[in-house]
Amino acid sequence: MLCCLHVGGSLLCLSYLYFEFCFCCRKIPRDLTEASLSGAGLSIVAAFSMIFLFGMELNNYLSVSTSTSVIIDKSSDGEFLRIDFNISFPALSCEFASVDVSDVLGTNRLNITKTIRKFSIDHNLKPTGSEFQSGTLSRVLKHDDEVDEEYGEGSVSLNAQNFDRIVHQYPILVVNFFAPWCLWSNRLKPSWEKAAKIIRERYDPEMDGRILLGKVDCTEEGELCRRNHIQGYPSIRIFRKGSDIRDDHGHHDHESYYGDRDTETLVTTMESLVAPISLESRKLALEDKSDDAKRPAPLTGGCRLEGFVRVKKVPGNLVISARSGAHSFDASQMNMSHVISHLSFGKKIPARVMSDMKRVLPYIGGSHDRLNGQAYTTHRGDSNANVTIEHYLQIVKTEVMTRSYKIVEEYEYTAHSSLVQSLAIPAAKFHFELSPMQVLITQNSKSFWHFITNVCAIIGGVFTVAGIVDSILHNTLRLVKKVELGKNF
């Protein structure tokens, strides 16, 4: 090496001699050149370890991470909150079912109909017809100003024994279902009896027989009134002989009368019912659909309410009960049992957006229908009379900020329910209160370079650890062999 430097002074020559020297003087460790069973096993373990750790790192890179914070509610969706619902009441007639909202600011809206749909259902919650159109029952109805006693009793008293016979005997039977304790029934009674006597004189039941006016005392004929789904007093039903339903115990398709209750209006209405019927044939003709005072009566005693209402973002109440401005209700006979198919707050999240949100937060939407499928029932009886079912809802707003969608809003809530004895008409009440705080969930993005760095660290780390372990095993085996041969060190 010195000669090479002296003669040529070349760096290439120096490098060559240094390589020759290292090759001749240094030896490759035997543990790297000798094959062994432990080394093979360790290599396999190291390979699987790298694959496993690489998979874990890849899964961590592809998974979505979020950060959660609690902030003051910004209410970026306005000052009103939408409540969507679908609730079935097996024992509340669509005829009187009313949706009311109120809040602590004094807002009080009664019998909301514009955004609500009603469907008559049976006790099994199955619909029995198309959408029920009940109209408004809140207007003031006209009654006779003076009571004229000279007309006496003009209508026929009906009971469970003669009702089916009479209802099949006359082409038109108009029945007043009343309760003696009811204020509105007592106000109707004079004009009803007077109108019944006038109609009897003009259309004699024996000679003419086209129409008859009757009455049913629901305090004495409870089963008969329940069979005809009477829940408010007085209820005036118009039965037509030509529309029998033979497969439903002989019940008739019938209408409810919601018009004024003075004698003149009642007589005019009865005459309009008789006019299309020929005296000779007594056949039913088509009714006049333009008369809004007569609308189809509910075929069953249950009702499904679906739709939405808008309320202010302050503590308030959503109340569903029987309501009418011209009827009375027997609170002991009202049953507000119900099944909640859907109840949610806020705007509906499109299905496509919701599926993307599930990747960010698998649990999102879990409380969107927290009361979905829940049933709350009471049974008729003295111990369950005048029972109001109340639900207390605590609502929290959640905002999710993602890379694909800037902000997605959802309202989650907790619910607690109870049965309350009340002197008022039983109802289903939903008390809601919004939290002044909101939850902000932000999706965190991960760097690709961080992923590559971790992969390199995994490969190098596994090689290093495997080398250390292999060296320890190799030296340990050599030491054991020397001890067995009795060599002294």
Protein backbone atom coordinates (compact mmCIF):
# COMPACT_ATOMS: atom_id res chain seq x y z
CA MET A 1 0.00 0.00 0.00
CA LEU A 2 2.85 2.38 0.75
CA CYS A 3 4.47 1.50 -2.54
CA CYS A 4 1.36 2.23 -4.41
CA LEU A 5 1.05 5.62 -2.80
CA HIS A 6 4.72 6.40 -3.44
CA VAL A 7 4.67 5.36 -7.05
CA GLY A 8 1.42 6.57 -8.32
CA GLY A 9 -0.12 8.67 -5.56
CA SER A 10 -3.43 7.40 -6.90
CA LEU A 11 -6.66 7.32 -4.86
CA LEU A 12 -7.91 4.43 -6.96
CA CYS A 13 -4.96 2.33 -6.02
CA LEU A 14 -5.48 3.15 -2.37
CA SER A 15 -9.10 2.11 -2.50
CA TYR A 16 -8.25 -1.15 -4.21
CA LEU A 17 -5.65 -2.09 -1.66
CA TYR A 18 -7.99 -1.18 1.21
CA PHE A 19 -10.67 -3.48 -0.21
CA GLU A 20 -8.16 -6.33 -0.60
CA PHE A 21 -6.98 -5.83 2.93
CA CYS A 22 -10.53 -5.91 4.37
CA PHE A 23 -11.44 -8.98 2.35
CA CYS A 24 -8.38 -10.88 3.47
CA CYS A 25 -8.19 -9.77 7.05
CA ARG A 26 -11.94 -9.49 8.06
CA LYS A 27 -14.30 -12.45 8.13
CA ILE A 28 -18.10 -12.44 7.57
CA PRO A 29 -19.83 -13.48 10.81
CA ARG A 30 -20.60 -17.17 10.83
CA ASP A 31 -24.16 -16.58 12.02
CA LEU A 32 -24.80 -14.87 8.67
CA THR A 33 -23.38 -17.65 6.56
CA GLU A 34 -24.41 -20.76 8.45
CA ALA A 35 -27.94 -22.02 7.85
CA SER A 36 -29.87 -23.06 10.91
CA LEU A 37 -33.38 -24.11 11.82
CA SER A 38 -33.72 -21.28 14.35
CA GLY A 39 -32.62 -18.75 11.76
CA ALA A 40 -35.20 -19.98 9.26
CA GLY A 41 -37.94 -19.82 11.87
CA LEU A 42 -36.87 -16.35 12.91
CA SER A 43 -36.93 -15.17 9.29
CA ILE A 44 -40.47 -16.47 8.83
CA VAL A 45 -41.59 -14.78 12.06
CA ALA A 46 -39.96 -11.53 10.96
CA ALA A 47 -41.69 -11.67 7.56
CA PHE A 48 -45.11 -12.25 9.09
CA SER A 49 -44.48 -9.51 11.63
CA MET A 50 -43.72 -7.03 8.87
CA ILE A 51 -46.85 -8.03 6.95
CA PHE A 52 -49.00 -7.76 10.07
CA LEU A 53 -47.61 -4.39 11.13
CA PHE A 54 -47.89 -3.08 7.59
CA GLY A 55 -51.57 -4.13 7.49
CA MET A 56 -52.24 -2.45 10.81
CA GLU A 57 -50.58 0.75 9.63
CA LEU A 58 -52.50 0.68 6.34
CA ASN A 59 -55.79 0.16 8.18
CA ASN A 60 -54.97 3.04 10.51
CA TYR A 61 -54.18 5.25 7.51
CA LEU A 62 -57.44 4.37 5.73
CA SER A 63 -59.60 4.70 8.87
CA VAL A 64 -61.28 8.01 9.70
CA SER A 65 -60.25 9.84 12.82
CA THR A 66 -62.32 12.59 14.38
CA SER A 67 -62.00 15.13 17.13
CA THR A 68 -64.96 16.21 19.27
CA SER A 69 -65.56 19.52 20.98
CA VAL A 70 -68.49 21.16 22.77
CA ILE A 71 -69.30 24.75 21.83
CA ILE A 72 -72.16 27.24 22.14
CA ASP A 73 -75.02 26.44 19.74
CA LYS A 74 -74.52 28.57 16.64
CA SER A 75 -77.99 27.70 15.20
CA SER A 76 -76.90 28.10 11.62
CA ASP A 77 -80.15 26.45 10.45
CA GLY A 78 -82.38 29.32 11.62
CA GLU A 79 -84.59 30.01 14.61
CA PHE A 80 -87.18 27.32 13.84
CA LEU A 81 -86.92 23.59 14.36
CA ARG A 82 -88.77 20.97 12.34
CA ILE A 83 -90.38 18.00 14.11
CA ASP A 84 -91.27 14.99 11.94
CA PHE A 85 -93.48 12.27 13.37
CA ASN A 86 -95.58 9.22 12.55
CA ILE A 87 -97.70 8.15 15.53
CA SER A 88 -100.61 5.69 15.67
CA PHE A 89 -103.46 5.92 18.20
CA PRO A 90 -105.60 2.74 18.20
CA ALA A 91 -108.34 4.34 20.34
CA LEU A 92 -108.40 7.99 19.16
CA SER A 93 -110.75 8.78 16.28
CA CYS A 94 -109.45 10.84 13.36
CA GLU A 95 -112.68 12.80 13.68
CA PHE A 96 -111.37 14.65 16.73
CA ALA A 97 -107.60 14.01 16.72
CA SER A 98 -105.81 17.34 17.03
CA VAL A 99 -102.11 18.31 16.94
CA ASP A 100 -101.25 21.38 19.04
CA VAL A 101 -97.95 23.13 19.76
CA SER A 102 -97.00 25.67 22.41
CA ASP A 103 -93.82 27.14 23.90
CA VAL A 104 -92.57 29.31 26.74
CA LEU A 105 -92.72 32.44 24.57
CA GLY A 106 -96.51 32.26 24.43
CA THR A 107 -96.94 30.58 21.04
CA ASN A 108 -100.09 28.45 21.04
CA ARG A 109 -101.29 26.85 17.81
CA LEU A 110 -104.28 24.50 17.97
CA ASN A 111 -105.44 21.78 15.57
CA ILE A 112 -102.68 22.10 12.96
CA THR A 113 -103.91 20.56 9.71
CA LYS A 114 -101.86 22.05 6.87
CA THR A 115 -98.85 19.75 7.32
CA ILE A 116 -100.63 16.83 9.03
CA ARG A 117 -102.25 13.79 7.41
CA LYS A 118 -104.72 11.45 9.12
CA PHE A 119 -105.52 7.82 8.31
CA SER A 120 -108.17 5.73 10.05
CA ILE A 121 -106.71 2.52 11.49
CA ASP A 122 -108.03 -0.49 13.35
CA HIS A 123 -106.82 -1.85 16.67
CA ASN A 124 -104.03 -3.71 14.83
CA LEU A 125 -102.75 -0.38 13.42
CA LYS A 126 -103.75 -1.36 9.87
CA PRO A 127 -105.25 1.42 7.71
CA THR A 128 -108.92 1.03 6.83
CA GLY A 129 -109.18 3.51 3.99
CA SER A 130 -107.70 6.50 2.26
CA GLU A 131 -106.66 9.71 3.98
CA PHE A 132 -109.30 10.98 6.41
CA GLN A 133 -110.62 14.47 5.74
CA SER A 134 -112.20 15.84 8.91
CA GLY A 135 -112.19 19.56 8.20
CA THR A 136 -112.18 22.05 11.02
CA LEU A 137 -114.20 21.53 14.18
CA SER A 138 -113.21 24.74 15.89
CA ARG A 139 -115.76 27.16 14.39
CA VAL A 140 -118.73 28.29 16.44
CA LEU A 141 -121.87 26.40 15.48
CA LYS A 142 -125.26 28.05 15.39
CA HIS A 143 -127.90 26.88 17.89
CA ASP A 144 -131.49 27.96 18.52
CA ASP A 145 -131.65 31.07 20.65
CA GLU A 146 -134.94 30.18 22.31
CA VAL A 147 -136.16 26.84 23.58
CA ASP A 148 -139.63 25.88 22.35
CA GLU A 149 -141.05 23.13 24.53
CA GLU A 150 -144.30 22.60 22.60
CA TYR A 151 -142.71 20.20 20.13
CA GLY A 152 -141.75 17.70 22.85
CA GLU A 153 -140.02 14.46 21.84
CA GLY A 154 -139.86 14.05 18.07
CA SER A 155 -136.99 11.61 17.57
CA VAL A 156 -137.05 7.86 18.16
CA SER A 157 -135.02 6.39 21.02
CA LEU A 158 -132.67 3.70 19.78
CA ASN A 159 -130.88 0.97 21.68
CA ALA A 160 -128.87 -2.16 21.04
CA GLN A 161 -132.05 -4.22 20.50
CA ASN A 162 -133.74 -2.09 17.81
CA PHE A 163 -130.84 -0.23 16.22
CA ASP A 164 -129.88 -2.81 13.56
CA ARG A 165 -133.52 -3.41 12.61
CA ILE A 166 -134.34 0.29 12.19
CA VAL A 167 -131.10 1.14 10.40
CA HIS A 168 -131.99 -1.45 7.72
CA GLN A 169 -135.62 -0.38 7.56
CA TYR A 170 -135.26 3.25 6.44
CA PRO A 171 -133.29 4.54 3.42
CA ILE A 172 -131.94 7.34 5.61
CA LEU A 173 -131.53 7.22 9.37
CA VAL A 174 -130.04 10.24 11.12
CA VAL A 175 -128.96 9.54 14.70
CA ASN A 176 -127.95 11.90 17.48
CA PHE A 177 -125.48 10.14 19.81
CA PHE A 178 -125.57 12.20 23.01
CA ALA A 179 -124.76 12.23 26.71
CA PRO A 180 -127.17 13.83 29.23
CA TRP A 181 -124.30 15.51 31.13
CA CYS A 182 -122.90 17.14 27.99
CA LEU A 183 -123.45 20.88 27.59
CA TRP A 184 -123.48 20.71 23.80
CA SER A 185 -125.90 17.77 23.82
CA ASN A 186 -128.32 19.78 25.97
CA ARG A 187 -128.03 22.78 23.65
CA LEU A 188 -128.77 20.56 20.65
CA LYS A 189 -131.69 18.68 22.21
CA PRO A 190 -134.51 21.28 21.69
CA SER A 191 -133.66 21.97 18.06
CA TRP A 192 -133.10 18.28 17.36
CA GLU A 193 -136.47 17.25 18.77
CA LYS A 194 -138.18 20.12 16.98
CA ALA A 195 -136.56 19.26 13.66
CA ALA A 196 -137.39 15.57 14.18
CA LYS A 197 -141.06 16.37 14.68
CA ILE A 198 -141.18 18.59 11.60
CA ILE A 199 -139.55 15.87 9.48
CA ARG A 200 -141.91 13.26 10.94
CA GLU A 201 -144.92 15.40 9.91
CA ARG A 202 -143.58 16.01 6.41
CA TYR A 203 -142.29 12.49 5.81
CA ASP A 204 -144.50 10.20 7.83
CA PRO A 205 -142.60 7.00 8.74
CA GLU A 206 -145.69 4.88 7.98
CA MET A 207 -146.84 6.55 4.75
CA ASP A 208 -143.53 7.85 3.37
CA GLY A 209 -140.76 6.03 5.20
CA ARG A 210 -137.80 7.67 3.48
CA ILE A 211 -136.18 9.22 6.55
CA LEU A 212 -136.23 8.89 10.32
CA LEU A 213 -134.47 10.84 13.05
CA GLY A 214 -133.32 8.93 16.13
CA LYS A 215 -131.20 9.35 19.24
CA VAL A 216 -128.95 7.18 21.38
CA ASP A 217 -128.05 7.86 25.01
CA CYS A 218 -124.39 6.81 25.18
CA THR A 219 -124.40 6.66 28.98
CA GLU A 220 -126.89 3.78 28.73
CA GLU A 221 -125.85 2.28 25.39
CA GLY A 222 -122.08 2.36 25.76
CA GLU A 223 -121.38 -0.69 23.62
CA LEU A 224 -123.59 0.59 20.80
CA CYS A 225 -121.76 3.93 20.83
CA ARG A 226 -118.36 2.27 20.85
CA ARG A 227 -119.41 0.09 17.93
CA ASN A 228 -120.10 3.26 15.98
CA HIS A 229 -116.84 4.86 17.17
CA ILE A 230 -118.49 7.68 19.10
CA GLN A 231 -115.91 9.62 21.10
CA GLY A 232 -117.39 13.13 21.25
CA TYR A 233 -120.89 14.30 22.21
CA PRO A 234 -123.11 15.03 20.43
CA SER A 235 -122.18 13.15 17.26
CA ILE A 236 -124.72 13.21 14.45
CA ARG A 237 -124.42 10.27 12.07
CA ILE A 238 -126.21 9.86 8.73
CA PHE A 239 -126.79 6.19 7.83
CA ARG A 240 -127.78 5.23 4.29
CA LYS A 241 -129.47 1.92 3.62
CA GLY A 242 -127.88 1.48 0.21
CA SER A 243 -124.33 1.27 1.51
CA ASP A 244 -124.40 -1.74 3.82
CA ILE A 245 -121.18 -3.56 4.65
CA ARG A 246 -122.42 -7.10 5.12
CA ASP A 247 -119.06 -8.52 6.17
CA ASP A 248 -118.67 -6.06 9.04
CA HIS A 249 -121.58 -7.14 11.29
CA GLY A 250 -124.05 -5.24 9.13
CA HIS A 251 -122.45 -1.84 9.77
CA HIS A 252 -123.12 0.93 7.31
CA ASP A 253 -120.91 3.36 5.50
CA HIS A 254 -122.06 6.60 7.02
CA GLU A 255 -121.34 10.28 7.31
CA SER A 256 -120.89 12.72 10.14
CA TYR A 257 -122.80 15.97 10.21
CA TYR A 258 -120.69 18.99 11.23
CA GLY A 259 -123.05 21.80 10.25
CA ASP A 260 -125.04 24.28 12.33
CA ARG A 261 -127.42 22.90 14.94
CA ASP A 262 -130.37 25.25 14.78
CA THR A 263 -133.78 23.90 13.76
CA GLU A 264 -133.91 25.59 10.38
CA THR A 265 -130.50 24.25 9.26
CA LEU A 266 -131.27 20.76 10.52
CA VAL A 267 -134.61 20.62 8.66
CA THR A 268 -133.01 21.95 5.46
CA THR A 269 -130.27 19.34 5.69
CA MET A 270 -132.75 16.49 6.24
CA GLU A 271 -134.83 17.57 3.27
CA SER A 272 -131.72 17.67 1.06
CA LEU A 273 -131.03 14.08 2.07
CA VAL A 274 -134.53 12.97 1.17
CA ALA A 275 -134.80 14.92 -2.11
CA PRO A 276 -132.80 12.49 -4.32
CA ILE A 277 -134.79 9.48 -3.10
CA SER A 278 -137.82 8.51 -5.15
CA LEU A 279 -140.93 7.94 -3.06
CA GLU A 280 -141.87 4.98 -5.22
CA SER A 281 -138.56 3.15 -5.41
CA ARG A 282 -136.85 4.47 -2.26
CA LYS A 283 -133.51 3.91 -3.98
CA LEU A 284 -130.38 5.70 -2.88
CA ALA A 285 -129.07 8.38 -5.21
CA LEU A 286 -125.68 10.03 -5.27
CA GLU A 287 -125.17 12.52 -2.51
CA ASP A 288 -124.28 16.17 -3.10
CA LYS A 289 -120.52 16.37 -2.56
CA SER A 290 -120.57 20.17 -2.38
CA ASP A 291 -122.11 20.16 1.09
CA ASP A 292 -119.12 20.55 3.45
CA ALA A 293 -121.36 20.04 6.51
CA LYS A 294 -121.47 16.30 5.73
CA ARG A 295 -118.27 14.29 5.53
CA PRO A 296 -117.54 10.57 5.83
CA ALA A 297 -117.46 9.34 9.40
CA PRO A 298 -114.49 7.25 10.58
CA LEU A 299 -114.85 3.56 9.81
CA THR A 300 -112.75 2.63 12.84
CA GLY A 301 -111.91 4.16 16.18
CA GLY A 302 -108.17 4.60 15.62
CA CYS A 303 -106.04 7.15 13.81
CA ARG A 304 -102.51 7.45 12.46
CA LEU A 305 -101.06 10.97 12.39
CA GLU A 306 -98.08 11.68 10.19
CA GLY A 307 -96.45 14.91 9.04
CA PHE A 308 -94.39 17.67 10.57
CA VAL A 309 -94.64 20.93 12.50
CA ARG A 310 -92.23 23.83 12.93
CA VAL A 311 -91.51 25.19 16.39
CA LYS A 312 -89.24 27.84 17.82
CA LYS A 313 -85.95 26.73 19.35
CA VAL A 314 -87.16 27.24 22.91
CA PRO A 315 -88.69 24.82 25.43
CA GLY A 316 -92.15 23.82 24.25
CA ASN A 317 -94.77 21.10 23.89
CA LEU A 318 -96.23 18.98 21.12
CA VAL A 319 -99.65 17.77 22.27
CA ILE A 320 -101.95 15.26 20.55
CA SER A 321 -105.46 14.95 21.97
CA ALA A 322 -109.17 15.02 21.14
CA ARG A 323 -110.33 18.56 20.42
CA SER A 324 -113.53 20.19 19.17
CA GLY A 325 -115.21 23.52 19.67
CA ALA A 326 -118.69 21.98 19.65
CA HIS A 327 -118.32 18.56 21.31
CA SER A 328 -117.76 17.21 24.80
CA PHE A 329 -115.60 14.23 25.70
CA ASP A 330 -115.85 11.68 28.48
CA ALA A 331 -112.35 11.77 29.93
CA SER A 332 -112.81 8.43 31.68
CA GLN A 333 -113.42 6.75 28.32
CA MET A 334 -110.51 8.34 26.46
CA ASN A 335 -107.52 6.09 25.80
CA MET A 336 -104.37 7.77 24.51
CA SER A 337 -102.32 4.61 23.97
CA HIS A 338 -100.01 5.07 21.01
CA VAL A 339 -97.18 3.57 18.99
CA ILE A 340 -94.40 5.87 17.78
CA SER A 341 -93.15 4.81 14.36
CA HIS A 342 -91.01 7.88 13.85
CA LEU A 343 -90.08 11.00 15.77
CA SER A 344 -87.11 13.16 14.78
CA PHE A 345 -85.93 16.75 14.95
CA GLY A 346 -84.30 18.90 12.31
CA LYS A 347 -84.04 18.60 8.57
CA LYS A 348 -83.94 15.14 7.05
CA ILE A 349 -80.46 14.06 5.99
CA PRO A 350 -80.41 12.63 2.42
CA ALA A 351 -79.63 8.92 2.22
CA ARG A 352 -76.45 9.51 0.18
CA VAL A 353 -75.10 11.98 2.72
CA MET A 354 -76.07 9.70 5.61
CA SER A 355 -74.18 6.75 4.09
CA ASP A 356 -71.05 8.90 3.84
CA MET A 357 -71.56 10.06 7.39
CA LYS A 358 -71.67 6.45 8.57
CA ARG A 359 -68.05 6.10 7.48
CA VAL A 360 -67.09 9.07 9.59
CA LEU A 361 -69.24 8.22 12.60
CA PRO A 362 -70.73 4.71 12.61
CA TYR A 363 -73.13 5.64 15.42
CA ILE A 364 -74.56 8.75 13.77
CA GLY A 365 -78.31 8.51 13.36
CA GLY A 366 -78.54 6.01 16.20
CA SER A 367 -80.73 8.37 18.23
CA HIS A 368 -82.38 9.93 15.20
CA ASP A 369 -85.30 7.55 15.79
CA ARG A 370 -84.72 6.82 19.47
CA LEU A 371 -88.47 6.24 20.05
CA ASN A 372 -88.91 4.27 16.84
CA GLY A 373 -91.22 1.30 17.43
CA GLN A 374 -91.92 2.16 21.07
CA ALA A 375 -95.47 1.47 22.30
CA TYR A 376 -97.12 3.20 25.27
CA THR A 377 -100.43 1.67 26.31
CA THR A 378 -103.06 2.12 28.98
CA HIS A 379 -106.13 0.01 29.57
CA ARG A 380 -109.65 1.19 30.16
CA GLY A 381 -110.71 0.96 33.78
CA ASP A 382 -111.12 2.96 36.96
CA SER A 383 -107.42 2.80 37.80
CA ASN A 384 -106.43 3.93 34.30
CA ALA A 385 -109.02 6.67 33.76
CA ASN A 386 -107.84 10.14 32.76
CA VAL A 387 -104.30 8.98 31.99
CA THR A 388 -102.03 11.34 30.08
CA ILE A 389 -98.83 9.91 28.58
CA GLU A 390 -95.94 12.37 28.75
CA HIS A 391 -92.54 12.22 27.08
CA TYR A 392 -89.65 14.44 28.15
CA LEU A 393 -87.08 15.00 25.42
CA GLN A 394 -83.64 16.58 25.84
CA ILE A 395 -82.29 17.62 22.43
CA VAL A 396 -78.66 18.23 21.53
CA LYS A 397 -77.47 19.51 18.18
CA THR A 398 -74.54 17.76 16.50
CA GLU A 399 -72.54 19.21 13.60
CA VAL A 400 -70.16 17.04 11.57
CA MET A 401 -67.49 18.72 9.43
CA THR A 402 -66.03 16.44 6.75
CA ARG A 403 -63.77 16.73 3.76
CA SER A 404 -66.55 15.99 1.24
CA TYR A 405 -69.33 17.94 2.99
CA LYS A 406 -68.63 21.14 4.82
CA ILE A 407 -71.24 20.74 7.56
CA VAL A 408 -73.89 18.11 8.23
CA GLU A 409 -76.35 18.83 11.07
CA GLU A 410 -78.25 16.33 13.14
CA TYR A 411 -80.35 16.60 16.30
CA GLU A 412 -80.02 13.78 18.81
CA TYR A 413 -82.18 13.42 21.91
CA THR A 414 -82.79 11.43 25.03
CA ALA A 415 -86.33 10.47 26.03
CA HIS A 416 -88.03 9.69 29.35
CA SER A 417 -91.72 8.76 29.51
CA SER A 418 -94.32 8.50 32.25
CA LEU A 419 -98.06 8.05 32.85
CA VAL A 420 -99.79 10.92 34.66
CA GLN A 421 -103.27 11.05 36.18
CA SER A 422 -105.05 14.24 35.12
CA LEU A 423 -108.46 15.84 35.60
CA ALA A 424 -108.36 17.25 32.06
CA ILE A 425 -108.93 15.39 28.81
CA PRO A 426 -106.16 12.75 28.42
CA ALA A 427 -103.48 13.56 25.87
CA ALA A 428 -100.11 12.46 24.53
CA LYS A 429 -97.60 15.18 25.37
CA PHE A 430 -94.07 15.60 24.09
CA HIS A 431 -92.13 18.14 26.15
CA PHE A 432 -88.96 19.15 24.33
CA GLU A 433 -86.04 21.32 25.41
CA LEU A 434 -82.96 22.18 23.36
CA SER A 435 -79.53 22.34 24.93
CA PRO A 436 -77.71 25.70 24.58
CA MET A 437 -74.56 23.72 23.73
CA GLN A 438 -73.80 21.76 20.59
CA VAL A 439 -71.35 19.00 19.73
CA LEU A 440 -68.87 19.73 16.92
CA ILE A 441 -67.22 16.70 15.32
CA THR A 442 -64.38 17.35 12.87
CA GLN A 443 -62.87 14.77 10.53
CA ASN A 444 -59.06 14.75 10.71
CA SER A 445 -57.05 14.03 7.57
CA LYS A 446 -53.85 11.90 7.68
CA SER A 447 -50.61 12.60 5.78
CA PHE A 448 -49.43 10.08 3.17
CA TRP A 449 -45.79 10.88 3.97
CA HIS A 450 -46.41 9.99 7.58
CA PHE A 451 -47.72 6.62 6.39
CA ILE A 452 -44.58 6.00 4.23
CA THR A 453 -42.31 6.96 7.12
CA ASN A 454 -44.04 4.50 9.43
CA VAL A 455 -43.77 1.71 6.83
CA CYS A 456 -40.01 2.28 6.52
CA ALA A 457 -39.71 2.30 10.30
CA ILE A 458 -41.55 -1.01 10.47
CA ILE A 459 -39.24 -2.68 7.92
CA GLY A 460 -36.05 -1.39 9.51
CA GLY A 461 -37.23 -2.06 13.03
CA VAL A 462 -38.19 -5.67 12.31
CA PHE A 463 -34.83 -6.34 10.61
CA THR A 464 -32.94 -4.83 13.53
CA VAL A 465 -34.88 -6.72 16.18
CA ALA A 466 -34.63 -9.96 14.19
CA GLY A 467 -30.84 -9.53 13.92
CA ILE A 468 -30.45 -8.91 17.62
CA VAL A 469 -32.57 -11.93 18.52
CA ASP A 470 -30.75 -14.14 16.04
CA SER A 471 -27.38 -13.05 17.40
CA ILE A 472 -28.45 -13.79 20.95
CA LEU A 473 -29.75 -17.22 19.98
CA HIS A 474 -26.63 -18.07 17.97
CA ASN A 475 -24.21 -17.03 20.70
CA THR A 476 -26.27 -18.80 23.33
CA LEU A 477 -26.20 -22.05 21.35
CA ARG A 478 -22.44 -21.81 20.88
CA LEU A 479 -21.95 -21.21 24.59
CA VAL A 480 -24.08 -24.22 25.41
CA LYS A 481 -22.09 -26.40 23.06
CA LYS A 482 -18.77 -25.28 24.60
CA VAL A 483 -20.04 -26.03 28.06
CA GLU A 484 -21.14 -29.46 26.96
CA LEU A 485 -17.65 -30.16 25.48
CA GLY A 486 -16.02 -29.09 28.71
CA LYS A 487 -14.06 -26.22 27.25
CA ASN A 488 -12.71 -23.52 29.50
CA PHE A 489 -12.90 -19.94 28.56
